[in-house]
Amino acid sequence: MKQTLLIKHAVSGRLFYDSRKSEIRYAVGEADGGWMFRIETERDQTVEELLKRKDELNVFIFREYDDQPTLKTWYYVGNGPVQYDDKQSLLTIYAGSRIEYYPHEYSE
């Protein structure tokens, strides 16, 4: 299975992170009724721009399989906490809801 992480600005569609284009060390797990993303990254312009738009983020995980259709999961951040820890070089994003879907079920 191949897994892709995307973090986008919900309004403009601007792409902040795309694990297909550069390696991203991250983990995601259930937390407090939602999901917590932990992304290892140095504080840079991308982090600064993302933090300015922290209330307008969408996070996606695509799971591509050899023997079944791609499963896409859309995580909605809303006003969940989005924070950066300089000591750990760690960006954390909390998403309170998600939708899992197979794109082929929505195409005509």
PDB file of N, CA and C in Angstrom:
ATOM      1  N   MET A   1       0.839  -1.173   0.000  1.00  0.00           N
ATOM      2  CA  MET A   1       0.000   0.000   0.000  1.00  0.00           C
ATOM      3  C   MET A   1       0.887   1.241   0.000  1.00  0.00           C
ATOM      4  N   LYS A   2       0.510   2.206  -0.796  1.00  0.00           N
ATOM      5  CA  LYS A   2       1.187   3.499  -0.841  1.00  0.00           C
ATOM      6  C   LYS A   2       0.266   4.525  -0.190  1.00  0.00           C
ATOM      7  N   GLN A   3       0.824   5.350   0.690  1.00  0.00           N
ATOM      8  CA  GLN A   3       0.022   6.353   1.386  1.00  0.00           C
ATOM      9  C   GLN A   3       0.557   7.745   1.074  1.00  0.00           C
ATOM     10  N   THR A   4      -0.358   8.681   0.795  1.00  0.00           N
ATOM     11  CA  THR A   4      -0.003  10.062   0.483  1.00  0.00           C
ATOM     12  C   THR A   4      -0.669  10.989   1.486  1.00  0.00           C
ATOM     13  N   LEU A   5       0.080  11.983   1.958  1.00  0.00           N
ATOM     14  CA  LEU A   5      -0.436  13.024   2.842  1.00  0.00           C
ATOM     15  C   LEU A   5      -0.469  14.337   2.077  1.00  0.00           C
ATOM     16  N   LEU A   6      -1.614  15.015   2.122  1.00  0.00           N
ATOM     17  CA  LEU A   6      -1.756  16.356   1.552  1.00  0.00           C
ATOM     18  C   LEU A   6      -2.329  17.270   2.627  1.00  0.00           C
ATOM     19  N   ILE A   7      -1.783  18.474   2.728  1.00  0.00           N
ATOM     20  CA  ILE A   7      -2.348  19.504   3.605  1.00  0.00           C
ATOM     21  C   ILE A   7      -2.581  20.729   2.741  1.00  0.00           C
ATOM     22  N   LYS A   8      -3.857  21.165   2.703  1.00  0.00           N
ATOM     23  CA  LYS A   8      -4.250  22.239   1.792  1.00  0.00           C
ATOM     24  C   LYS A   8      -5.011  23.343   2.520  1.00  0.00           C
ATOM     25  N   HIS A   9      -4.949  24.534   1.930  1.00  0.00           N
ATOM     26  CA  HIS A   9      -5.783  25.649   2.383  1.00  0.00           C
ATOM     27  C   HIS A   9      -7.172  25.408   1.811  1.00  0.00           C
ATOM     28  N   ALA A  10      -8.175  25.350   2.669  1.00  0.00           N
ATOM     29  CA  ALA A  10      -9.534  24.993   2.244  1.00  0.00           C
ATOM     30  C   ALA A  10     -10.144  26.015   1.300  1.00  0.00           C
ATOM     31  N   VAL A  11      -9.795  27.283   1.443  1.00  0.00           N
ATOM     32  CA  VAL A  11     -10.420  28.332   0.639  1.00  0.00           C
ATOM     33  C   VAL A  11      -9.780  28.445  -0.741  1.00  0.00           C
ATOM     34  N   SER A  12      -8.455  28.566  -0.779  1.00  0.00           N
ATOM     35  CA  SER A  12      -7.766  28.806  -2.055  1.00  0.00           C
ATOM     36  C   SER A  12      -7.293  27.535  -2.737  1.00  0.00           C
ATOM     37  N   GLY A  13      -7.208  26.436  -1.990  1.00  0.00           N
ATOM     38  CA  GLY A  13      -6.680  25.204  -2.552  1.00  0.00           C
ATOM     39  C   GLY A  13      -5.162  25.131  -2.525  1.00  0.00           C
ATOM     40  N   ARG A  14      -4.514  26.151  -1.957  1.00  0.00           N
ATOM     41  CA  ARG A  14      -3.049  26.157  -1.888  1.00  0.00           C
ATOM     42  C   ARG A  14      -2.567  24.902  -1.175  1.00  0.00           C
ATOM     43  N   LEU A  15      -1.562  24.283  -1.755  1.00  0.00           N
ATOM     44  CA  LEU A  15      -1.001  23.059  -1.206  1.00  0.00           C
ATOM     45  C   LEU A  15       0.199  23.402  -0.320  1.00  0.00           C
ATOM     46  N   PHE A  16       0.108  23.069   0.960  1.00  0.00           N
ATOM     47  CA  PHE A  16       1.214  23.312   1.881  1.00  0.00           C
ATOM     48  C   PHE A  16       2.178  22.128   1.914  1.00  0.00           C
ATOM     49  N   TYR A  17       1.636  20.917   1.982  1.00  0.00           N
ATOM     50  CA  TYR A  17       2.469  19.716   2.030  1.00  0.00           C
ATOM     51  C   TYR A  17       1.890  18.655   1.107  1.00  0.00           C
ATOM     52  N   ASP A  18       2.786  17.938   0.438  1.00  0.00           N
ATOM     53  CA  ASP A  18       2.411  16.845  -0.459  1.00  0.00           C
ATOM     54  C   ASP A  18       3.512  15.800  -0.374  1.00  0.00           C
ATOM     55  N   SER A  19       3.223  14.670   0.240  1.00  0.00           N
ATOM     56  CA  SER A  19       4.251  13.645   0.430  1.00  0.00           C
ATOM     57  C   SER A  19       4.652  12.955  -0.871  1.00  0.00           C
ATOM     58  N   ARG A  20       3.932  13.223  -1.971  1.00  0.00           N
ATOM     59  CA  ARG A  20       4.354  12.692  -3.270  1.00  0.00           C
ATOM     60  C   ARG A  20       5.527  13.488  -3.823  1.00  0.00           C
ATOM     61  N   LYS A  21       5.641  14.753  -3.400  1.00  0.00           N
ATOM     62  CA  LYS A  21       6.675  15.639  -3.941  1.00  0.00           C
ATOM     63  C   LYS A  21       7.916  15.710  -3.066  1.00  0.00           C
ATOM     64  N   SER A  22       7.758  15.504  -1.770  1.00  0.00           N
ATOM     65  CA  SER A  22       8.911  15.491  -0.868  1.00  0.00           C
ATOM     66  C   SER A  22       8.589  14.604   0.325  1.00  0.00           C
ATOM     67  N   GLU A  23       9.623  13.993   0.854  1.00  0.00           N
ATOM     68  CA  GLU A  23       9.429  13.085   1.986  1.00  0.00           C
ATOM     69  C   GLU A  23       8.978  13.869   3.211  1.00  0.00           C
ATOM     70  N   ILE A  24       7.945  13.389   3.854  1.00  0.00           N
ATOM     71  CA  ILE A  24       7.408  14.021   5.053  1.00  0.00           C
ATOM     72  C   ILE A  24       7.316  12.952   6.136  1.00  0.00           C
ATOM     73  N   ARG A  25       7.953  13.222   7.253  1.00  0.00           N
ATOM     74  CA  ARG A  25       7.851  12.303   8.395  1.00  0.00           C
ATOM     75  C   ARG A  25       6.643  12.738   9.213  1.00  0.00           C
ATOM     76  N   TYR A  26       5.669  11.847   9.310  1.00  0.00           N
ATOM     77  CA  TYR A  26       4.441  12.195  10.028  1.00  0.00           C
ATOM     78  C   TYR A  26       3.817  10.956  10.650  1.00  0.00           C
ATOM     79  N   ALA A  27       2.923  11.223  11.581  1.00  0.00           N
ATOM     80  CA  ALA A  27       2.123  10.164  12.199  1.00  0.00           C
ATOM     81  C   ALA A  27       0.733  10.730  12.411  1.00  0.00           C
ATOM     82  N   VAL A  28      -0.258   9.856  12.354  1.00  0.00           N
ATOM     83  CA  VAL A  28      -1.639  10.257  12.625  1.00  0.00           C
ATOM     84  C   VAL A  28      -2.268   9.203  13.526  1.00  0.00           C
ATOM     85  N   GLY A  29      -3.045   9.668  14.478  1.00  0.00           N
ATOM     86  CA  GLY A  29      -3.713   8.741  15.377  1.00  0.00           C
ATOM     87  C   GLY A  29      -4.941   9.378  15.989  1.00  0.00           C
ATOM     88  N   GLU A  30      -5.817   8.540  16.520  1.00  0.00           N
ATOM     89  CA  GLU A  30      -7.027   9.047  17.170  1.00  0.00           C
ATOM     90  C   GLU A  30      -6.655   9.781  18.449  1.00  0.00           C
ATOM     91  N   ALA A  31      -7.379  10.895  18.689  1.00  0.00           N
ATOM     92  CA  ALA A  31      -7.110  11.699  19.884  1.00  0.00           C
ATOM     93  C   ALA A  31      -8.339  12.519  20.233  1.00  0.00           C
ATOM     94  N   ASP A  32      -8.823  12.381  21.440  1.00  0.00           N
ATOM     95  CA  ASP A  32      -9.915  13.219  21.953  1.00  0.00           C
ATOM     96  C   ASP A  32     -11.112  13.304  21.006  1.00  0.00           C
ATOM     97  N   GLY A  33     -11.540  12.177  20.488  1.00  0.00           N
ATOM     98  CA  GLY A  33     -12.706  12.151  19.613  1.00  0.00           C
ATOM     99  C   GLY A  33     -12.438  12.597  18.192  1.00  0.00           C
ATOM    100  N   GLY A  34     -11.197  12.819  17.844  1.00  0.00           N
ATOM    101  CA  GLY A  34     -10.817  13.225  16.487  1.00  0.00           C
ATOM    102  C   GLY A  34      -9.503  12.563  16.116  1.00  0.00           C
ATOM    103  N   TRP A  35      -8.682  13.273  15.334  1.00  0.00           N
ATOM    104  CA  TRP A  35      -7.422  12.729  14.852  1.00  0.00           C
ATOM    105  C   TRP A  35      -6.341  13.783  14.979  1.00  0.00           C
ATOM    106  N   MET A  36      -5.165  13.354  15.444  1.00  0.00           N
ATOM    107  CA  MET A  36      -4.033  14.250  15.612  1.00  0.00           C
ATOM    108  C   MET A  36      -2.943  13.869  14.611  1.00  0.00           C
ATOM    109  N   PHE A  37      -2.511  14.863  13.855  1.00  0.00           N
ATOM    110  CA  PHE A  37      -1.392  14.711  12.930  1.00  0.00           C
ATOM    111  C   PHE A  37      -0.164  15.325  13.576  1.00  0.00           C
ATOM    112  N   ARG A  38       0.950  14.612  13.501  1.00  0.00           N
ATOM    113  CA  ARG A  38       2.232  15.111  13.998  1.00  0.00           C
ATOM    114  C   ARG A  38       3.208  15.066  12.827  1.00  0.00           C
ATOM    115  N   ILE A  39       3.650  16.246  12.410  1.00  0.00           N
ATOM    116  CA  ILE A  39       4.507  16.362  11.238  1.00  0.00           C
ATOM    117  C   ILE A  39       5.853  16.923  11.671  1.00  0.00           C
ATOM    118  N   GLU A  40       6.910  16.165  11.408  1.00  0.00           N
ATOM    119  CA  GLU A  40       8.259  16.623  11.741  1.00  0.00           C
ATOM    120  C   GLU A  40       8.740  17.535  10.624  1.00  0.00           C
ATOM    121  N   THR A  41       8.991  18.804  10.957  1.00  0.00           N
ATOM    122  CA  THR A  41       9.447  19.763   9.952  1.00  0.00           C
ATOM    123  C   THR A  41      10.098  20.956  10.634  1.00  0.00           C
ATOM    124  N   GLU A  42      11.090  21.504   9.994  1.00  0.00           N
ATOM    125  CA  GLU A  42      11.706  22.727  10.499  1.00  0.00           C
ATOM    126  C   GLU A  42      10.738  23.883  10.293  1.00  0.00           C
ATOM    127  N   ARG A  43      10.818  24.881  11.167  1.00  0.00           N
ATOM    128  CA  ARG A  43      10.001  26.083  10.982  1.00  0.00           C
ATOM    129  C   ARG A  43      10.563  26.818   9.761  1.00  0.00           C
ATOM    130  N   ASP A  44       9.710  27.006   8.772  1.00  0.00           N
ATOM    131  CA  ASP A  44      10.105  27.702   7.551  1.00  0.00           C
ATOM    132  C   ASP A  44       8.919  28.515   7.050  1.00  0.00           C
ATOM    133  N   GLN A  45       9.027  29.041   5.845  1.00  0.00           N
ATOM    134  CA  GLN A  45       7.960  29.875   5.291  1.00  0.00           C
ATOM    135  C   GLN A  45       6.654  29.092   5.146  1.00  0.00           C
ATOM    136  N   THR A  46       6.743  27.824   4.779  1.00  0.00           N
ATOM    137  CA  THR A  46       5.537  27.002   4.647  1.00  0.00           C
ATOM    138  C   THR A  46       4.814  26.884   5.985  1.00  0.00           C
ATOM    139  N   VAL A  47       5.558  26.623   7.041  1.00  0.00           N
ATOM    140  CA  VAL A  47       4.952  26.523   8.376  1.00  0.00           C
ATOM    141  C   VAL A  47       4.316  27.854   8.762  1.00  0.00           C
ATOM    142  N   GLU A  48       5.023  28.949   8.520  1.00  0.00           N
ATOM    143  CA  GLU A  48       4.491  30.272   8.871  1.00  0.00           C
ATOM    144  C   GLU A  48       3.188  30.560   8.130  1.00  0.00           C
ATOM    145  N   GLU A  49       3.154  30.274   6.831  1.00  0.00           N
ATOM    146  CA  GLU A  49       1.945  30.513   6.032  1.00  0.00           C
ATOM    147  C   GLU A  49       0.802  29.604   6.477  1.00  0.00           C
ATOM    148  N   LEU A  50       1.117  28.361   6.779  1.00  0.00           N
ATOM    149  CA  LEU A  50       0.100  27.423   7.256  1.00  0.00           C
ATOM    150  C   LEU A  50      -0.485  27.909   8.583  1.00  0.00           C
ATOM    151  N   LEU A  51       0.363  28.360   9.497  1.00  0.00           N
ATOM    152  CA  LEU A  51      -0.123  28.824  10.801  1.00  0.00           C
ATOM    153  C   LEU A  51      -1.015  30.056  10.669  1.00  0.00           C
ATOM    154  N   LYS A  52      -0.755  30.896   9.688  1.00  0.00           N
ATOM    155  CA  LYS A  52      -1.611  32.066   9.453  1.00  0.00           C
ATOM    156  C   LYS A  52      -3.014  31.647   9.025  1.00  0.00           C
ATOM    157  N   ARG A  53      -3.119  30.474   8.420  1.00  0.00           N
ATOM    158  CA  ARG A  53      -4.394  29.983   7.886  1.00  0.00           C
ATOM    159  C   ARG A  53      -4.872  28.734   8.622  1.00  0.00           C
ATOM    160  N   LYS A  54      -4.478  28.612   9.875  1.00  0.00           N
ATOM    161  CA  LYS A  54      -4.725  27.382  10.627  1.00  0.00           C
ATOM    162  C   LYS A  54      -6.199  27.045  10.813  1.00  0.00           C
ATOM    163  N   ASP A  55      -7.092  28.016  10.683  1.00  0.00           N
ATOM    164  CA  ASP A  55      -8.526  27.741  10.813  1.00  0.00           C
ATOM    165  C   ASP A  55      -9.172  27.363   9.488  1.00  0.00           C
ATOM    166  N   GLU A  56      -8.372  27.266   8.435  1.00  0.00           N
ATOM    167  CA  GLU A  56      -8.906  27.010   7.088  1.00  0.00           C
ATOM    168  C   GLU A  56      -8.136  25.880   6.407  1.00  0.00           C
ATOM    169  N   LEU A  57      -7.882  24.803   7.128  1.00  0.00           N
ATOM    170  CA  LEU A  57      -7.076  23.710   6.588  1.00  0.00           C
ATOM    171  C   LEU A  57      -7.904  22.457   6.349  1.00  0.00           C
ATOM    172  N   ASN A  58      -7.524  21.747   5.317  1.00  0.00           N
ATOM    173  CA  ASN A  58      -8.012  20.397   5.066  1.00  0.00           C
ATOM    174  C   ASN A  58      -6.798  19.490   4.956  1.00  0.00           C
ATOM    175  N   VAL A  59      -6.914  18.308   5.512  1.00  0.00           N
ATOM    176  CA  VAL A  59      -5.854  17.317   5.435  1.00  0.00           C
ATOM    177  C   VAL A  59      -6.438  16.092   4.746  1.00  0.00           C
ATOM    178  N   PHE A  60      -5.669  15.519   3.839  1.00  0.00           N
ATOM    179  CA  PHE A  60      -6.105  14.335   3.105  1.00  0.00           C
ATOM    180  C   PHE A  60      -5.064  13.238   3.246  1.00  0.00           C
ATOM    181  N   ILE A  61      -5.539  12.008   3.332  1.00  0.00           N
ATOM    182  CA  ILE A  61      -4.674  10.841   3.215  1.00  0.00           C
ATOM    183  C   ILE A  61      -5.267   9.962   2.128  1.00  0.00           C
ATOM    184  N   PHE A  62      -4.438   9.619   1.148  1.00  0.00           N
ATOM    185  CA  PHE A  62      -4.834   8.714   0.074  1.00  0.00           C
ATOM    186  C   PHE A  62      -4.107   7.395   0.306  1.00  0.00           C
ATOM    187  N   ARG A  63      -4.864   6.310   0.307  1.00  0.00           N
ATOM    188  CA  ARG A  63      -4.281   4.975   0.431  1.00  0.00           C
ATOM    189  C   ARG A  63      -4.501   4.247  -0.887  1.00  0.00           C
ATOM    190  N   GLU A  64      -3.393   3.999  -1.575  1.00  0.00           N
ATOM    191  CA  GLU A  64      -3.452   3.337  -2.880  1.00  0.00           C
ATOM    192  C   GLU A  64      -3.023   1.885  -2.724  1.00  0.00           C
ATOM    193  N   TYR A  65      -3.875   0.989  -3.195  1.00  0.00           N
ATOM    194  CA  TYR A  65      -3.643  -0.444  -3.081  1.00  0.00           C
ATOM    195  C   TYR A  65      -3.451  -1.050  -4.464  1.00  0.00           C
ATOM    196  N   ASP A  66      -2.743  -2.176  -4.514  1.00  0.00           N
ATOM    197  CA  ASP A  66      -2.562  -2.883  -5.780  1.00  0.00           C
ATOM    198  C   ASP A  66      -3.823  -3.625  -6.197  1.00  0.00           C
ATOM    199  N   ASP A  67      -4.607  -4.076  -5.222  1.00  0.00           N
ATOM    200  CA  ASP A  67      -5.716  -4.976  -5.522  1.00  0.00           C
ATOM    201  C   ASP A  67      -7.100  -4.408  -5.210  1.00  0.00           C
ATOM    202  N   GLN A  68      -7.183  -3.109  -4.926  1.00  0.00           N
ATOM    203  CA  GLN A  68      -8.481  -2.489  -4.657  1.00  0.00           C
ATOM    204  C   GLN A  68      -8.407  -0.997  -4.957  1.00  0.00           C
ATOM    205  N   PRO A  69      -9.550  -0.334  -5.039  1.00  0.00           N
ATOM    206  CA  PRO A  69      -9.555   1.100  -5.366  1.00  0.00           C
ATOM    207  C   PRO A  69      -8.876   1.943  -4.281  1.00  0.00           C
ATOM    208  N   THR A  70      -8.432   3.113  -4.682  1.00  0.00           N
ATOM    209  CA  THR A  70      -7.827   4.067  -3.754  1.00  0.00           C
ATOM    210  C   THR A  70      -8.871   4.556  -2.759  1.00  0.00           C
ATOM    211  N   LEU A  71      -8.504   4.543  -1.486  1.00  0.00           N
ATOM    212  CA  LEU A  71      -9.354   5.069  -0.425  1.00  0.00           C
ATOM    213  C   LEU A  71      -8.831   6.447  -0.052  1.00  0.00           C
ATOM    214  N   LYS A  72      -9.709   7.452  -0.116  1.00  0.00           N
ATOM    215  CA  LYS A  72      -9.328   8.809   0.253  1.00  0.00           C
ATOM    216  C   LYS A  72     -10.033   9.174   1.557  1.00  0.00           C
ATOM    217  N   THR A  73      -9.282   9.811   2.440  1.00  0.00           N
ATOM    218  CA  THR A  73      -9.847  10.283   3.699  1.00  0.00           C
ATOM    219  C   THR A  73      -9.608  11.780   3.792  1.00  0.00           C
ATOM    220  N   TRP A  74     -10.685  12.522   3.980  1.00  0.00           N
ATOM    221  CA  TRP A  74     -10.637  13.976   4.107  1.00  0.00           C
ATOM    222  C   TRP A  74     -10.854  14.309   5.574  1.00  0.00           C
ATOM    223  N   TYR A  75      -9.878  14.955   6.174  1.00  0.00           N
ATOM    224  CA  TYR A  75      -9.948  15.385   7.568  1.00  0.00           C
ATOM    225  C   TYR A  75     -10.224  16.878   7.589  1.00  0.00           C
ATOM    226  N   TYR A  76     -11.252  17.279   8.320  1.00  0.00           N
ATOM    227  CA  TYR A  76     -11.618  18.691   8.419  1.00  0.00           C
ATOM    228  C   TYR A  76     -11.075  19.251   9.727  1.00  0.00           C
ATOM    229  N   VAL A  77     -10.226  20.262   9.621  1.00  0.00           N
ATOM    230  CA  VAL A  77      -9.566  20.819  10.795  1.00  0.00           C
ATOM    231  C   VAL A  77     -10.451  21.835  11.510  1.00  0.00           C
ATOM    232  N   GLY A  78     -11.110  22.720  10.771  1.00  0.00           N
ATOM    233  CA  GLY A  78     -11.946  23.746  11.395  1.00  0.00           C
ATOM    234  C   GLY A  78     -11.133  24.580  12.367  1.00  0.00           C
ATOM    235  N   ASN A  79     -11.629  24.733  13.577  1.00  0.00           N
ATOM    236  CA  ASN A  79     -10.864  25.491  14.559  1.00  0.00           C
ATOM    237  C   ASN A  79     -10.211  24.578  15.593  1.00  0.00           C
ATOM    238  N   GLY A  80      -9.882  23.361  15.152  1.00  0.00           N
ATOM    239  CA  GLY A  80      -9.108  22.470  16.007  1.00  0.00           C
ATOM    240  C   GLY A  80      -7.710  23.047  16.182  1.00  0.00           C
ATOM    241  N   PRO A  81      -7.034  22.729  17.270  1.00  0.00           N
ATOM    242  CA  PRO A  81      -5.718  23.318  17.481  1.00  0.00           C
ATOM    243  C   PRO A  81      -4.715  22.940  16.387  1.00  0.00           C
ATOM    244  N   VAL A  82      -4.000  23.934  15.929  1.00  0.00           N
ATOM    245  CA  VAL A  82      -2.874  23.767  15.009  1.00  0.00           C
ATOM    246  C   VAL A  82      -1.724  24.521  15.658  1.00  0.00           C
ATOM    247  N   GLN A  83      -0.649  23.796  15.974  1.00  0.00           N
ATOM    248  CA  GLN A  83       0.446  24.412  16.726  1.00  0.00           C
ATOM    249  C   GLN A  83       1.791  23.946  16.205  1.00  0.00           C
ATOM    250  N   TYR A  84       2.802  24.768  16.480  1.00  0.00           N
ATOM    251  CA  TYR A  84       4.170  24.388  16.141  1.00  0.00           C
ATOM    252  C   TYR A  84       5.021  24.452  17.397  1.00  0.00           C
ATOM    253  N   ASP A  85       5.790  23.385  17.634  1.00  0.00           N
ATOM    254  CA  ASP A  85       6.693  23.302  18.777  1.00  0.00           C
ATOM    255  C   ASP A  85       8.120  23.454  18.259  1.00  0.00           C
ATOM    256  N   ASP A  86       8.739  24.600  18.553  1.00  0.00           N
ATOM    257  CA  ASP A  86      10.098  24.867  18.066  1.00  0.00           C
ATOM    258  C   ASP A  86      11.129  23.911  18.658  1.00  0.00           C
ATOM    259  N   LYS A  87      10.961  23.509  19.906  1.00  0.00           N
ATOM    260  CA  LYS A  87      11.940  22.624  20.546  1.00  0.00           C
ATOM    261  C   LYS A  87      11.981  21.256  19.877  1.00  0.00           C
ATOM    262  N   GLN A  88      10.816  20.776  19.444  1.00  0.00           N
ATOM    263  CA  GLN A  88      10.738  19.448  18.832  1.00  0.00           C
ATOM    264  C   GLN A  88      10.686  19.497  17.309  1.00  0.00           C
ATOM    265  N   SER A  89      10.632  20.704  16.728  1.00  0.00           N
ATOM    266  CA  SER A  89      10.435  20.859  15.275  1.00  0.00           C
ATOM    267  C   SER A  89       9.225  20.036  14.837  1.00  0.00           C
ATOM    268  N   LEU A  90       8.100  20.268  15.534  1.00  0.00           N
ATOM    269  CA  LEU A  90       6.915  19.444  15.339  1.00  0.00           C
ATOM    270  C   LEU A  90       5.675  20.305  15.124  1.00  0.00           C
ATOM    271  N   LEU A  91       5.028  20.075  14.004  1.00  0.00           N
ATOM    272  CA  LEU A  91       3.755  20.710  13.683  1.00  0.00           C
ATOM    273  C   LEU A  91       2.656  19.730  14.063  1.00  0.00           C
ATOM    274  N   THR A  92       1.686  20.178  14.858  1.00  0.00           N
ATOM    275  CA  THR A  92       0.564  19.313  15.219  1.00  0.00           C
ATOM    276  C   THR A  92      -0.730  19.931  14.707  1.00  0.00           C
ATOM    277  N   ILE A  93      -1.558  19.082  14.139  1.00  0.00           N
ATOM    278  CA  ILE A  93      -2.840  19.502  13.573  1.00  0.00           C
ATOM    279  C   ILE A  93      -3.906  18.547  14.089  1.00  0.00           C
ATOM    280  N   TYR A  94      -4.941  19.101  14.708  1.00  0.00           N
ATOM    281  CA  TYR A  94      -6.047  18.293  15.201  1.00  0.00           C
ATOM    282  C   TYR A  94      -7.237  18.458  14.261  1.00  0.00           C
ATOM    283  N   ALA A  95      -7.779  17.356  13.814  1.00  0.00           N
ATOM    284  CA  ALA A  95      -8.974  17.360  12.964  1.00  0.00           C
ATOM    285  C   ALA A  95     -10.114  16.707  13.734  1.00  0.00           C
ATOM    286  N   GLY A  96     -11.240  17.402  13.807  1.00  0.00           N
ATOM    287  CA  GLY A  96     -12.363  16.904  14.581  1.00  0.00           C
ATOM    288  C   GLY A  96     -13.283  15.965  13.831  1.00  0.00           C
ATOM    289  N   SER A  97     -13.201  15.969  12.497  1.00  0.00           N
ATOM    290  CA  SER A  97     -14.067  15.068  11.728  1.00  0.00           C
ATOM    291  C   SER A  97     -13.353  14.607  10.471  1.00  0.00           C
ATOM    292  N   ARG A  98     -13.881  13.541   9.880  1.00  0.00           N
ATOM    293  CA  ARG A  98     -13.299  13.018   8.642  1.00  0.00           C
ATOM    294  C   ARG A  98     -14.368  12.312   7.831  1.00  0.00           C
ATOM    295  N   ILE A  99     -14.085  12.200   6.564  1.00  0.00           N
ATOM    296  CA  ILE A  99     -14.945  11.463   5.640  1.00  0.00           C
ATOM    297  C   ILE A  99     -14.045  10.541   4.832  1.00  0.00           C
ATOM    298  N   GLU A 100     -14.364   9.257   4.806  1.00  0.00           N
ATOM    299  CA  GLU A 100     -13.646   8.307   3.958  1.00  0.00           C
ATOM    300  C   GLU A 100     -14.498   8.026   2.737  1.00  0.00           C
ATOM    301  N   TYR A 101     -13.857   7.982   1.572  1.00  0.00           N
ATOM    302  CA  TYR A 101     -14.623   7.731   0.358  1.00  0.00           C
ATOM    303  C   TYR A 101     -13.740   7.121  -0.725  1.00  0.00           C
ATOM    304  N   TYR A 102     -14.406   6.439  -1.648  1.00  0.00           N
ATOM    305  CA  TYR A 102     -13.763   5.898  -2.842  1.00  0.00           C
ATOM    306  C   TYR A 102     -14.179   6.776  -4.012  1.00  0.00           C
ATOM    307  N   PRO A 103     -13.245   7.480  -4.640  1.00  0.00           N
ATOM    308  CA  PRO A 103     -13.596   8.420  -5.710  1.00  0.00           C
ATOM    309  C   PRO A 103     -14.423   7.801  -6.839  1.00  0.00           C
ATOM    310  N   HIS A 104     -14.167   6.535  -7.165  1.00  0.00           N
ATOM    311  CA  HIS A 104     -14.899   5.916  -8.278  1.00  0.00           C
ATOM    312  C   HIS A 104     -16.404   5.810  -7.993  1.00  0.00           C
ATOM    313  N   GLU A 105     -16.793   5.857  -6.729  1.00  0.00           N
ATOM    314  CA  GLU A 105     -18.216   5.786  -6.391  1.00  0.00           C
ATOM    315  C   GLU A 105     -18.943   7.093  -6.695  1.00  0.00           C
ATOM    316  N   TYR A 106     -18.182   8.160  -6.946  1.00  0.00           N
ATOM    317  CA  TYR A 106     -18.782   9.467  -7.207  1.00  0.00           C
ATOM    318  C   TYR A 106     -18.636   9.906  -8.655  1.00  0.00           C
ATOM    319  N   SER A 107     -17.926   9.142  -9.457  1.00  0.00           N
ATOM    320  CA  SER A 107     -17.773   9.514 -10.866  1.00  0.00           C
ATOM    321  C   SER A 107     -18.919   8.927 -11.678  1.00  0.00           C
ATOM    322  N   GLU A 108     -19.185   9.575 -12.779  1.00  0.00           N
ATOM    323  CA  GLU A 108     -20.305   9.121 -13.621  1.00  0.00           C
ATOM    324  C   GLU A 108     -19.812   8.419 -14.845  1.00  0.00           C
TER     325      GLU A 108
END
